Amino acid sequence: MIVDIEDFGIYEFNCLSSIDKKNKRNVVIKDNIINFKILNEESFIKYNKNESGKYELVTYRFDSQLQVLDGYFKNSIFTNKCRKEPTLSFDFSKIKKIDLATYKIIK
């Protein structure tokens, strides 16, 4: 973790979960509990401090792998990847609408 010593704001945070037999997750679907074993779990967050002293998101990343312990998908491995980044502002006055059924520009 990298912290600003003036206001204790977080610049960067990186976390790799320790993995052991106790690390499990579960989901309830139609009164059935499905258990998962955590194989890998890692997250990273980065902020920049702007001129007004506020922290702005640069990037967020979360990756995990889970193995199903019971049910229909037993022993299957699922991967979850999440990414978040800021979007630059843009001029809405220049936007053209598109009909997604015909892929033609709407006037």
PDB file of N, CA and C in Angstrom:
ATOM      1  N   MET A   1       0.852  -1.154   0.000  1.00  0.00           N
ATOM      2  CA  MET A   1       0.000   0.000   0.000  1.00  0.00           C
ATOM      3  C   MET A   1       0.911   1.233   0.000  1.00  0.00           C
ATOM      4  N   ILE A   2       0.572   2.197  -0.852  1.00  0.00           N
ATOM      5  CA  ILE A   2       1.276   3.475  -0.881  1.00  0.00           C
ATOM      6  C   ILE A   2       0.284   4.542  -0.439  1.00  0.00           C
ATOM      7  N   VAL A   3       0.651   5.277   0.630  1.00  0.00           N
ATOM      8  CA  VAL A   3      -0.255   6.238   1.267  1.00  0.00           C
ATOM      9  C   VAL A   3       0.372   7.622   1.263  1.00  0.00           C
ATOM     10  N   ASP A   4      -0.454   8.659   1.046  1.00  0.00           N
ATOM     11  CA  ASP A   4      -0.031  10.057   1.128  1.00  0.00           C
ATOM     12  C   ASP A   4       0.177  10.403   2.606  1.00  0.00           C
ATOM     13  N   ILE A   5       1.368  10.882   2.969  1.00  0.00           N
ATOM     14  CA  ILE A   5       1.647  11.159   4.388  1.00  0.00           C
ATOM     15  C   ILE A   5       0.942  12.413   4.895  1.00  0.00           C
ATOM     16  N   GLU A   6       0.445  13.259   3.981  1.00  0.00           N
ATOM     17  CA  GLU A   6      -0.247  14.481   4.410  1.00  0.00           C
ATOM     18  C   GLU A   6      -1.690  14.220   4.832  1.00  0.00           C
ATOM     19  N   ASP A   7      -2.426  13.438   4.044  1.00  0.00           N
ATOM     20  CA  ASP A   7      -3.845  13.222   4.348  1.00  0.00           C
ATOM     21  C   ASP A   7      -4.219  11.734   4.444  1.00  0.00           C
ATOM     22  N   PHE A   8      -3.235  10.863   4.376  1.00  0.00           N
ATOM     23  CA  PHE A   8      -3.424   9.412   4.467  1.00  0.00           C
ATOM     24  C   PHE A   8      -4.302   8.854   3.344  1.00  0.00           C
ATOM     25  N   GLY A   9      -4.382   9.571   2.232  1.00  0.00           N
ATOM     26  CA  GLY A   9      -5.090   9.058   1.050  1.00  0.00           C
ATOM     27  C   GLY A   9      -4.291   7.939   0.408  1.00  0.00           C
ATOM     28  N   ILE A  10      -4.988   7.014  -0.196  1.00  0.00           N
ATOM     29  CA  ILE A  10      -4.334   5.847  -0.798  1.00  0.00           C
ATOM     30  C   ILE A  10      -4.003   6.131  -2.264  1.00  0.00           C
ATOM     31  N   TYR A  11      -2.722   5.985  -2.613  1.00  0.00           N
ATOM     32  CA  TYR A  11      -2.289   6.094  -4.008  1.00  0.00           C
ATOM     33  C   TYR A  11      -2.373   4.738  -4.704  1.00  0.00           C
ATOM     34  N   GLU A  12      -1.876   3.713  -4.040  1.00  0.00           N
ATOM     35  CA  GLU A  12      -1.922   2.365  -4.606  1.00  0.00           C
ATOM     36  C   GLU A  12      -2.200   1.348  -3.503  1.00  0.00           C
ATOM     37  N   PHE A  13      -2.919   0.297  -3.899  1.00  0.00           N
ATOM     38  CA  PHE A  13      -3.190  -0.811  -2.985  1.00  0.00           C
ATOM     39  C   PHE A  13      -3.166  -2.091  -3.792  1.00  0.00           C
ATOM     40  N   ASN A  14      -2.368  -3.057  -3.341  1.00  0.00           N
ATOM     41  CA  ASN A  14      -2.270  -4.344  -4.011  1.00  0.00           C
ATOM     42  C   ASN A  14      -2.486  -5.431  -2.965  1.00  0.00           C
ATOM     43  N   CYS A  15      -3.321  -6.424  -3.292  1.00  0.00           N
ATOM     44  CA  CYS A  15      -3.628  -7.475  -2.332  1.00  0.00           C
ATOM     45  C   CYS A  15      -3.677  -8.821  -3.048  1.00  0.00           C
ATOM     46  N   LEU A  16      -2.945  -9.766  -2.516  1.00  0.00           N
ATOM     47  CA  LEU A  16      -2.978 -11.147  -2.986  1.00  0.00           C
ATOM     48  C   LEU A  16      -3.445 -11.985  -1.809  1.00  0.00           C
ATOM     49  N   SER A  17      -4.641 -12.553  -1.925  1.00  0.00           N
ATOM     50  CA  SER A  17      -5.210 -13.325  -0.810  1.00  0.00           C
ATOM     51  C   SER A  17      -4.386 -14.569  -0.533  1.00  0.00           C
ATOM     52  N   SER A  18      -4.219 -14.873   0.740  1.00  0.00           N
ATOM     53  CA  SER A  18      -3.560 -16.130   1.094  1.00  0.00           C
ATOM     54  C   SER A  18      -4.580 -17.249   0.875  1.00  0.00           C
ATOM     55  N   ILE A  19      -4.117 -18.321   0.313  1.00  0.00           N
ATOM     56  CA  ILE A  19      -5.016 -19.415  -0.058  1.00  0.00           C
ATOM     57  C   ILE A  19      -4.723 -20.625   0.834  1.00  0.00           C
ATOM     58  N   ASP A  20      -5.778 -21.140   1.479  1.00  0.00           N
ATOM     59  CA  ASP A  20      -5.683 -22.392   2.226  1.00  0.00           C
ATOM     60  C   ASP A  20      -7.035 -23.105   2.149  1.00  0.00           C
ATOM     61  N   LYS A  21      -7.147 -24.239   2.765  1.00  0.00           N
ATOM     62  CA  LYS A  21      -8.364 -25.046   2.672  1.00  0.00           C
ATOM     63  C   LYS A  21      -9.585 -24.360   3.274  1.00  0.00           C
ATOM     64  N   LYS A  22      -9.367 -23.397   4.158  1.00  0.00           N
ATOM     65  CA  LYS A  22     -10.480 -22.707   4.813  1.00  0.00           C
ATOM     66  C   LYS A  22     -11.093 -21.625   3.928  1.00  0.00           C
ATOM     67  N   ASN A  23     -10.367 -21.167   2.915  1.00  0.00           N
ATOM     68  CA  ASN A  23     -10.869 -20.096   2.051  1.00  0.00           C
ATOM     69  C   ASN A  23     -11.905 -20.640   1.080  1.00  0.00           C
ATOM     70  N   LYS A  24     -13.173 -20.435   1.412  1.00  0.00           N
ATOM     71  CA  LYS A  24     -14.264 -20.921   0.564  1.00  0.00           C
ATOM     72  C   LYS A  24     -15.304 -19.833   0.411  1.00  0.00           C
ATOM     73  N   ARG A  25     -16.085 -19.951  -0.638  1.00  0.00           N
ATOM     74  CA  ARG A  25     -17.233 -19.078  -0.868  1.00  0.00           C
ATOM     75  C   ARG A  25     -18.416 -19.984  -1.163  1.00  0.00           C
ATOM     76  N   ASN A  26     -19.603 -19.448  -0.988  1.00  0.00           N
ATOM     77  CA  ASN A  26     -20.778 -20.230  -1.370  1.00  0.00           C
ATOM     78  C   ASN A  26     -21.856 -19.307  -1.909  1.00  0.00           C
ATOM     79  N   VAL A  27     -22.730 -19.913  -2.698  1.00  0.00           N
ATOM     80  CA  VAL A  27     -23.855 -19.228  -3.324  1.00  0.00           C
ATOM     81  C   VAL A  27     -25.091 -20.078  -3.100  1.00  0.00           C
ATOM     82  N   VAL A  28     -26.210 -19.427  -2.810  1.00  0.00           N
ATOM     83  CA  VAL A  28     -27.470 -20.150  -2.641  1.00  0.00           C
ATOM     84  C   VAL A  28     -28.302 -19.949  -3.899  1.00  0.00           C
ATOM     85  N   ILE A  29     -28.665 -21.058  -4.560  1.00  0.00           N
ATOM     86  CA  ILE A  29     -29.503 -21.016  -5.763  1.00  0.00           C
ATOM     87  C   ILE A  29     -30.651 -21.994  -5.547  1.00  0.00           C
ATOM     88  N   LYS A  30     -31.878 -21.457  -5.510  1.00  0.00           N
ATOM     89  CA  LYS A  30     -33.070 -22.285  -5.312  1.00  0.00           C
ATOM     90  C   LYS A  30     -32.918 -23.224  -4.112  1.00  0.00           C
ATOM     91  N   ASP A  31     -32.564 -22.675  -2.973  1.00  0.00           N
ATOM     92  CA  ASP A  31     -32.403 -23.403  -1.718  1.00  0.00           C
ATOM     93  C   ASP A  31     -31.253 -24.412  -1.711  1.00  0.00           C
ATOM     94  N   ASN A  32     -30.421 -24.415  -2.738  1.00  0.00           N
ATOM     95  CA  ASN A  32     -29.240 -25.278  -2.779  1.00  0.00           C
ATOM     96  C   ASN A  32     -27.990 -24.432  -2.542  1.00  0.00           C
ATOM     97  N   ILE A  33     -27.100 -24.911  -1.707  1.00  0.00           N
ATOM     98  CA  ILE A  33     -25.849 -24.206  -1.450  1.00  0.00           C
ATOM     99  C   ILE A  33     -24.756 -24.814  -2.324  1.00  0.00           C
ATOM    100  N   ILE A  34     -24.102 -23.972  -3.116  1.00  0.00           N
ATOM    101  CA  ILE A  34     -22.983 -24.410  -3.953  1.00  0.00           C
ATOM    102  C   ILE A  34     -21.714 -23.821  -3.357  1.00  0.00           C
ATOM    103  N   ASN A  35     -20.762 -24.684  -3.035  1.00  0.00           N
ATOM    104  CA  ASN A  35     -19.515 -24.269  -2.402  1.00  0.00           C
ATOM    105  C   ASN A  35     -18.397 -24.163  -3.433  1.00  0.00           C
ATOM    106  N   PHE A  36     -17.537 -23.157  -3.242  1.00  0.00           N
ATOM    107  CA  PHE A  36     -16.410 -22.908  -4.127  1.00  0.00           C
ATOM    108  C   PHE A  36     -15.129 -22.838  -3.303  1.00  0.00           C
ATOM    109  N   LYS A  37     -14.055 -23.360  -3.861  1.00  0.00           N
ATOM    110  CA  LYS A  37     -12.732 -23.215  -3.251  1.00  0.00           C
ATOM    111  C   LYS A  37     -12.017 -22.089  -3.989  1.00  0.00           C
ATOM    112  N   ILE A  38     -11.425 -21.162  -3.258  1.00  0.00           N
ATOM    113  CA  ILE A  38     -10.695 -20.056  -3.871  1.00  0.00           C
ATOM    114  C   ILE A  38      -9.314 -20.554  -4.277  1.00  0.00           C
ATOM    115  N   LEU A  39      -9.016 -20.467  -5.576  1.00  0.00           N
ATOM    116  CA  LEU A  39      -7.711 -20.886  -6.088  1.00  0.00           C
ATOM    117  C   LEU A  39      -6.747 -19.706  -6.169  1.00  0.00           C
ATOM    118  N   ASN A  40      -7.296 -18.545  -6.520  1.00  0.00           N
ATOM    119  CA  ASN A  40      -6.473 -17.351  -6.690  1.00  0.00           C
ATOM    120  C   ASN A  40      -7.370 -16.129  -6.518  1.00  0.00           C
ATOM    121  N   GLU A  41      -6.838 -15.111  -5.865  1.00  0.00           N
ATOM    122  CA  GLU A  41      -7.609 -13.878  -5.704  1.00  0.00           C
ATOM    123  C   GLU A  41      -6.623 -12.724  -5.534  1.00  0.00           C
ATOM    124  N   GLU A  42      -6.707 -11.745  -6.429  1.00  0.00           N
ATOM    125  CA  GLU A  42      -5.776 -10.625  -6.399  1.00  0.00           C
ATOM    126  C   GLU A  42      -6.496  -9.345  -6.811  1.00  0.00           C
ATOM    127  N   SER A  43      -6.181  -8.247  -6.128  1.00  0.00           N
ATOM    128  CA  SER A  43      -6.769  -6.960  -6.500  1.00  0.00           C
ATOM    129  C   SER A  43      -5.698  -5.875  -6.482  1.00  0.00           C
ATOM    130  N   PHE A  44      -5.921  -4.838  -7.297  1.00  0.00           N
ATOM    131  CA  PHE A  44      -5.005  -3.702  -7.405  1.00  0.00           C
ATOM    132  C   PHE A  44      -5.828  -2.446  -7.674  1.00  0.00           C
ATOM    133  N   ILE A  45      -5.541  -1.393  -6.923  1.00  0.00           N
ATOM    134  CA  ILE A  45      -6.230  -0.110  -7.108  1.00  0.00           C
ATOM    135  C   ILE A  45      -5.164   0.982  -7.155  1.00  0.00           C
ATOM    136  N   LYS A  46      -5.338   1.936  -8.079  1.00  0.00           N
ATOM    137  CA  LYS A  46      -4.407   3.054  -8.177  1.00  0.00           C
ATOM    138  C   LYS A  46      -5.184   4.353  -8.354  1.00  0.00           C
ATOM    139  N   TYR A  47      -4.796   5.380  -7.580  1.00  0.00           N
ATOM    140  CA  TYR A  47      -5.391   6.711  -7.658  1.00  0.00           C
ATOM    141  C   TYR A  47      -4.306   7.743  -7.890  1.00  0.00           C
ATOM    142  N   ASN A  48      -4.677   8.867  -8.498  1.00  0.00           N
ATOM    143  CA  ASN A  48      -3.826  10.053  -8.590  1.00  0.00           C
ATOM    144  C   ASN A  48      -4.508  11.176  -7.839  1.00  0.00           C
ATOM    145  N   LYS A  49      -3.720  12.020  -7.207  1.00  0.00           N
ATOM    146  CA  LYS A  49      -4.259  13.173  -6.487  1.00  0.00           C
ATOM    147  C   LYS A  49      -4.258  14.361  -7.451  1.00  0.00           C
ATOM    148  N   ASN A  50      -5.437  14.988  -7.660  1.00  0.00           N
ATOM    149  CA  ASN A  50      -5.527  16.102  -8.598  1.00  0.00           C
ATOM    150  C   ASN A  50      -5.134  17.423  -7.917  1.00  0.00           C
ATOM    151  N   GLU A  51      -5.175  18.522  -8.671  1.00  0.00           N
ATOM    152  CA  GLU A  51      -4.742  19.824  -8.161  1.00  0.00           C
ATOM    153  C   GLU A  51      -5.573  20.321  -6.985  1.00  0.00           C
ATOM    154  N   SER A  52      -6.828  19.885  -6.896  1.00  0.00           N
ATOM    155  CA  SER A  52      -7.693  20.319  -5.799  1.00  0.00           C
ATOM    156  C   SER A  52      -7.585  19.385  -4.577  1.00  0.00           C
ATOM    157  N   GLY A  53      -6.692  18.402  -4.642  1.00  0.00           N
ATOM    158  CA  GLY A  53      -6.473  17.520  -3.506  1.00  0.00           C
ATOM    159  C   GLY A  53      -7.390  16.317  -3.440  1.00  0.00           C
ATOM    160  N   LYS A  54      -8.176  16.101  -4.482  1.00  0.00           N
ATOM    161  CA  LYS A  54      -9.073  14.938  -4.503  1.00  0.00           C
ATOM    162  C   LYS A  54      -8.399  13.803  -5.262  1.00  0.00           C
ATOM    163  N   TYR A  55      -8.725  12.581  -4.850  1.00  0.00           N
ATOM    164  CA  TYR A  55      -8.141  11.401  -5.484  1.00  0.00           C
ATOM    165  C   TYR A  55      -9.041  10.903  -6.610  1.00  0.00           C
ATOM    166  N   GLU A  56      -8.416  10.667  -7.761  1.00  0.00           N
ATOM    167  CA  GLU A  56      -9.147  10.201  -8.943  1.00  0.00           C
ATOM    168  C   GLU A  56      -8.657   8.807  -9.310  1.00  0.00           C
ATOM    169  N   LEU A  57      -9.601   7.943  -9.648  1.00  0.00           N
ATOM    170  CA  LEU A  57      -9.280   6.571 -10.019  1.00  0.00           C
ATOM    171  C   LEU A  57      -8.460   6.529 -11.305  1.00  0.00           C
ATOM    172  N   VAL A  58      -7.355   5.801 -11.270  1.00  0.00           N
ATOM    173  CA  VAL A  58      -6.554   5.558 -12.466  1.00  0.00           C
ATOM    174  C   VAL A  58      -6.896   4.177 -13.005  1.00  0.00           C
ATOM    175  N   THR A  59      -6.906   3.182 -12.116  1.00  0.00           N
ATOM    176  CA  THR A  59      -7.257   1.830 -12.538  1.00  0.00           C
ATOM    177  C   THR A  59      -7.672   0.976 -11.334  1.00  0.00           C
ATOM    178  N   TYR A  60      -8.547   0.035 -11.593  1.00  0.00           N
ATOM    179  CA  TYR A  60      -8.959  -0.958 -10.602  1.00  0.00           C
ATOM    180  C   TYR A  60      -8.948  -2.303 -11.311  1.00  0.00           C
ATOM    181  N   ARG A  61      -8.359  -3.301 -10.653  1.00  0.00           N
ATOM    182  CA  ARG A  61      -8.272  -4.630 -11.252  1.00  0.00           C
ATOM    183  C   ARG A  61      -8.553  -5.671 -10.172  1.00  0.00           C
ATOM    184  N   PHE A  62      -9.426  -6.631 -10.475  1.00  0.00           N
ATOM    185  CA  PHE A  62      -9.709  -7.744  -9.560  1.00  0.00           C
ATOM    186  C   PHE A  62      -9.761  -9.026 -10.376  1.00  0.00           C
ATOM    187  N   ASP A  63      -8.958 -10.003  -9.983  1.00  0.00           N
ATOM    188  CA  ASP A  63      -8.920 -11.296 -10.660  1.00  0.00           C
ATOM    189  C   ASP A  63      -9.113 -12.400  -9.627  1.00  0.00           C
ATOM    190  N   SER A  64      -9.935 -13.377  -9.960  1.00  0.00           N
ATOM    191  CA  SER A  64     -10.097 -14.517  -9.064  1.00  0.00           C
ATOM    192  C   SER A  64     -10.391 -15.780  -9.866  1.00  0.00           C
ATOM    193  N   GLN A  65     -10.040 -16.902  -9.281  1.00  0.00           N
ATOM    194  CA  GLN A  65     -10.368 -18.211  -9.832  1.00  0.00           C
ATOM    195  C   GLN A  65     -10.986 -19.031  -8.715  1.00  0.00           C
ATOM    196  N   LEU A  66     -12.126 -19.646  -9.028  1.00  0.00           N
ATOM    197  CA  LEU A  66     -12.851 -20.459  -8.056  1.00  0.00           C
ATOM    198  C   LEU A  66     -13.088 -21.845  -8.637  1.00  0.00           C
ATOM    199  N   GLN A  67     -12.968 -22.864  -7.792  1.00  0.00           N
ATOM    200  CA  GLN A  67     -13.264 -24.228  -8.210  1.00  0.00           C
ATOM    201  C   GLN A  67     -14.538 -24.684  -7.506  1.00  0.00           C
ATOM    202  N   VAL A  68     -15.481 -25.221  -8.276  1.00  0.00           N
ATOM    203  CA  VAL A  68     -16.756 -25.690  -7.727  1.00  0.00           C
ATOM    204  C   VAL A  68     -16.504 -26.995  -6.972  1.00  0.00           C
ATOM    205  N   LEU A  69     -17.009 -27.073  -5.738  1.00  0.00           N
ATOM    206  CA  LEU A  69     -16.776 -28.251  -4.897  1.00  0.00           C
ATOM    207  C   LEU A  69     -17.908 -29.270  -4.923  1.00  0.00           C
ATOM    208  N   ASP A  70     -19.095 -28.865  -5.387  1.00  0.00           N
ATOM    209  CA  ASP A  70     -20.212 -29.807  -5.421  1.00  0.00           C
ATOM    210  C   ASP A  70     -21.199 -29.388  -6.505  1.00  0.00           C
ATOM    211  N   GLY A  71     -22.211 -30.225  -6.742  1.00  0.00           N
ATOM    212  CA  GLY A  71     -23.235 -29.911  -7.733  1.00  0.00           C
ATOM    213  C   GLY A  71     -22.860 -30.329  -9.147  1.00  0.00           C
ATOM    214  N   TYR A  72     -23.641 -29.845 -10.092  1.00  0.00           N
ATOM    215  CA  TYR A  72     -23.503 -30.233 -11.505  1.00  0.00           C
ATOM    216  C   TYR A  72     -22.138 -29.860 -12.077  1.00  0.00           C
ATOM    217  N   PHE A  73     -21.589 -28.724 -11.667  1.00  0.00           N
ATOM    218  CA  PHE A  73     -20.319 -28.250 -12.212  1.00  0.00           C
ATOM    219  C   PHE A  73     -19.125 -28.605 -11.319  1.00  0.00           C
ATOM    220  N   LYS A  74     -19.241 -29.646 -10.522  1.00  0.00           N
ATOM    221  CA  LYS A  74     -18.187 -30.039  -9.592  1.00  0.00           C
ATOM    222  C   LYS A  74     -16.834 -30.136 -10.301  1.00  0.00           C
ATOM    223  N   ASN A  75     -15.806 -29.571  -9.672  1.00  0.00           N
ATOM    224  CA  ASN A  75     -14.420 -29.527 -10.153  1.00  0.00           C
ATOM    225  C   ASN A  75     -14.197 -28.549 -11.307  1.00  0.00           C
ATOM    226  N   SER A  76     -15.241 -27.890 -11.787  1.00  0.00           N
ATOM    227  CA  SER A  76     -15.058 -26.861 -12.817  1.00  0.00           C
ATOM    228  C   SER A  76     -14.395 -25.637 -12.200  1.00  0.00           C
ATOM    229  N   ILE A  77     -13.600 -24.942 -13.001  1.00  0.00           N
ATOM    230  CA  ILE A  77     -12.914 -23.740 -12.539  1.00  0.00           C
ATOM    231  C   ILE A  77     -13.499 -22.538 -13.272  1.00  0.00           C
ATOM    232  N   PHE A  78     -13.893 -21.526 -12.500  1.00  0.00           N
ATOM    233  CA  PHE A  78     -14.444 -20.300 -13.045  1.00  0.00           C
ATOM    234  C   PHE A  78     -13.465 -19.162 -12.795  1.00  0.00           C
ATOM    235  N   THR A  79     -13.287 -18.331 -13.800  1.00  0.00           N
ATOM    236  CA  THR A  79     -12.388 -17.181 -13.707  1.00  0.00           C
ATOM    237  C   THR A  79     -13.206 -15.906 -13.772  1.00  0.00           C
ATOM    238  N   ASN A  80     -12.935 -14.988 -12.856  1.00  0.00           N
ATOM    239  CA  ASN A  80     -13.606 -13.692 -12.822  1.00  0.00           C
ATOM    240  C   ASN A  80     -12.539 -12.613 -12.971  1.00  0.00           C
ATOM    241  N   LYS A  81     -12.713 -11.741 -13.968  1.00  0.00           N
ATOM    242  CA  LYS A  81     -11.797 -10.626 -14.169  1.00  0.00           C
ATOM    243  C   LYS A  81     -12.629  -9.358 -14.266  1.00  0.00           C
ATOM    244  N   CYS A  82     -12.281  -8.385 -13.449  1.00  0.00           N
ATOM    245  CA  CYS A  82     -12.995  -7.110 -13.444  1.00  0.00           C
ATOM    246  C   CYS A  82     -11.983  -5.997 -13.632  1.00  0.00           C
ATOM    247  N   ARG A  83     -12.256  -5.058 -14.546  1.00  0.00           N
ATOM    248  CA  ARG A  83     -11.403  -3.901 -14.810  1.00  0.00           C
ATOM    249  C   ARG A  83     -12.266  -2.652 -14.801  1.00  0.00           C
ATOM    250  N   LYS A  84     -11.761  -1.600 -14.141  1.00  0.00           N
ATOM    251  CA  LYS A  84     -12.445  -0.302 -14.157  1.00  0.00           C
ATOM    252  C   LYS A  84     -11.411   0.770 -14.381  1.00  0.00           C
ATOM    253  N   GLU A  85     -11.722   1.657 -15.319  1.00  0.00           N
ATOM    254  CA  GLU A  85     -10.856   2.787 -15.613  1.00  0.00           C
ATOM    255  C   GLU A  85     -11.733   3.985 -15.926  1.00  0.00           C
ATOM    256  N   PRO A  86     -11.240   5.180 -15.664  1.00  0.00           N
ATOM    257  CA  PRO A  86     -12.058   6.359 -15.960  1.00  0.00           C
ATOM    258  C   PRO A  86     -12.210   6.554 -17.462  1.00  0.00           C
ATOM    259  N   THR A  87     -13.310   7.152 -17.846  1.00  0.00           N
ATOM    260  CA  THR A  87     -13.570   7.478 -19.236  1.00  0.00           C
ATOM    261  C   THR A  87     -13.346   8.968 -19.434  1.00  0.00           C
ATOM    262  N   LEU A  88     -12.627   9.311 -20.473  1.00  0.00           N
ATOM    263  CA  LEU A  88     -12.408  10.719 -20.763  1.00  0.00           C
ATOM    264  C   LEU A  88     -13.723  11.366 -21.169  1.00  0.00           C
ATOM    265  N   SER A  89     -13.916  12.627 -20.789  1.00  0.00           N
ATOM    266  CA  SER A  89     -15.148  13.318 -21.176  1.00  0.00           C
ATOM    267  C   SER A  89     -15.121  13.582 -22.683  1.00  0.00           C
ATOM    268  N   PHE A  90     -16.291  13.639 -23.284  1.00  0.00           N
ATOM    269  CA  PHE A  90     -16.383  13.897 -24.713  1.00  0.00           C
ATOM    270  C   PHE A  90     -17.605  14.750 -24.996  1.00  0.00           C
ATOM    271  N   ASP A  91     -17.639  15.342 -26.186  1.00  0.00           N
ATOM    272  CA  ASP A  91     -18.669  16.288 -26.589  1.00  0.00           C
ATOM    273  C   ASP A  91     -19.892  15.524 -27.110  1.00  0.00           C
ATOM    274  N   PHE A  92     -21.002  15.584 -26.349  1.00  0.00           N
ATOM    275  CA  PHE A  92     -22.229  14.870 -26.736  1.00  0.00           C
ATOM    276  C   PHE A  92     -22.921  15.492 -27.949  1.00  0.00           C
ATOM    277  N   SER A  93     -22.614  16.736 -28.282  1.00  0.00           N
ATOM    278  CA  SER A  93     -23.289  17.399 -29.408  1.00  0.00           C
ATOM    279  C   SER A  93     -22.910  16.778 -30.750  1.00  0.00           C
ATOM    280  N   LYS A  94     -21.822  16.056 -30.810  1.00  0.00           N
ATOM    281  CA  LYS A  94     -21.360  15.453 -32.062  1.00  0.00           C
ATOM    282  C   LYS A  94     -21.766  13.990 -32.206  1.00  0.00           C
ATOM    283  N   ILE A  95     -22.543  13.482 -31.265  1.00  0.00           N
ATOM    284  CA  ILE A  95     -22.942  12.080 -31.286  1.00  0.00           C
ATOM    285  C   ILE A  95     -24.028  11.844 -32.342  1.00  0.00           C
ATOM    286  N   LYS A  96     -23.917  10.724 -33.055  1.00  0.00           N
ATOM    287  CA  LYS A  96     -24.947  10.312 -34.004  1.00  0.00           C
ATOM    288  C   LYS A  96     -25.550   9.014 -33.494  1.00  0.00           C
ATOM    289  N   LYS A  97     -26.869   8.932 -33.525  1.00  0.00           N
ATOM    290  CA  LYS A  97     -27.555   7.743 -33.050  1.00  0.00           C
ATOM    291  C   LYS A  97     -27.573   6.683 -34.143  1.00  0.00           C
ATOM    292  N   ILE A  98     -27.459   5.426 -33.712  1.00  0.00           N
ATOM    293  CA  ILE A  98     -27.454   4.308 -34.651  1.00  0.00           C
ATOM    294  C   ILE A  98     -28.571   3.350 -34.275  1.00  0.00           C
ATOM    295  N   ASP A  99     -29.317   2.909 -35.278  1.00  0.00           N
ATOM    296  CA  ASP A  99     -30.339   1.877 -35.074  1.00  0.00           C
ATOM    297  C   ASP A  99     -29.615   0.536 -35.036  1.00  0.00           C
ATOM    298  N   LEU A 100     -29.585  -0.111 -33.879  1.00  0.00           N
ATOM    299  CA  LEU A 100     -28.836  -1.352 -33.729  1.00  0.00           C
ATOM    300  C   LEU A 100     -29.457  -2.544 -34.470  1.00  0.00           C
ATOM    301  N   ALA A 101     -30.711  -2.414 -34.873  1.00  0.00           N
ATOM    302  CA  ALA A 101     -31.337  -3.490 -35.638  1.00  0.00           C
ATOM    303  C   ALA A 101     -30.899  -3.447 -37.100  1.00  0.00           C
ATOM    304  N   THR A 102     -30.697  -2.223 -37.636  1.00  0.00           N
ATOM    305  CA  THR A 102     -30.324  -2.080 -39.054  1.00  0.00           C
ATOM    306  C   THR A 102     -28.900  -1.564 -39.254  1.00  0.00           C
ATOM    307  N   TYR A 103     -28.271  -1.083 -38.181  1.00  0.00           N
ATOM    308  CA  TYR A 103     -26.945  -0.478 -38.211  1.00  0.00           C
ATOM    309  C   TYR A 103     -26.894   0.752 -39.128  1.00  0.00           C
ATOM    310  N   LYS A 104     -28.019   1.466 -39.202  1.00  0.00           N
ATOM    311  CA  LYS A 104     -28.073   2.700 -39.983  1.00  0.00           C
ATOM    312  C   LYS A 104     -28.115   3.888 -39.036  1.00  0.00           C
ATOM    313  N   ILE A 105     -27.535   5.010 -39.484  1.00  0.00           N
ATOM    314  CA  ILE A 105     -27.538   6.235 -38.680  1.00  0.00           C
ATOM    315  C   ILE A 105     -28.921   6.842 -38.697  1.00  0.00           C
ATOM    316  N   ILE A 106     -29.412   7.192 -37.505  1.00  0.00           N
ATOM    317  CA  ILE A 106     -30.729   7.821 -37.362  1.00  0.00           C
ATOM    318  C   ILE A 106     -30.557   9.322 -37.483  1.00  0.00           C
ATOM    319  N   LYS A 107     -31.375   9.936 -38.352  1.00  0.00           N
ATOM    320  CA  LYS A 107     -31.258  11.398 -38.545  1.00  0.00           C
ATOM    321  C   LYS A 107     -32.283  12.133 -37.769  1.00  0.00           C
TER     322      LYS A 107
END
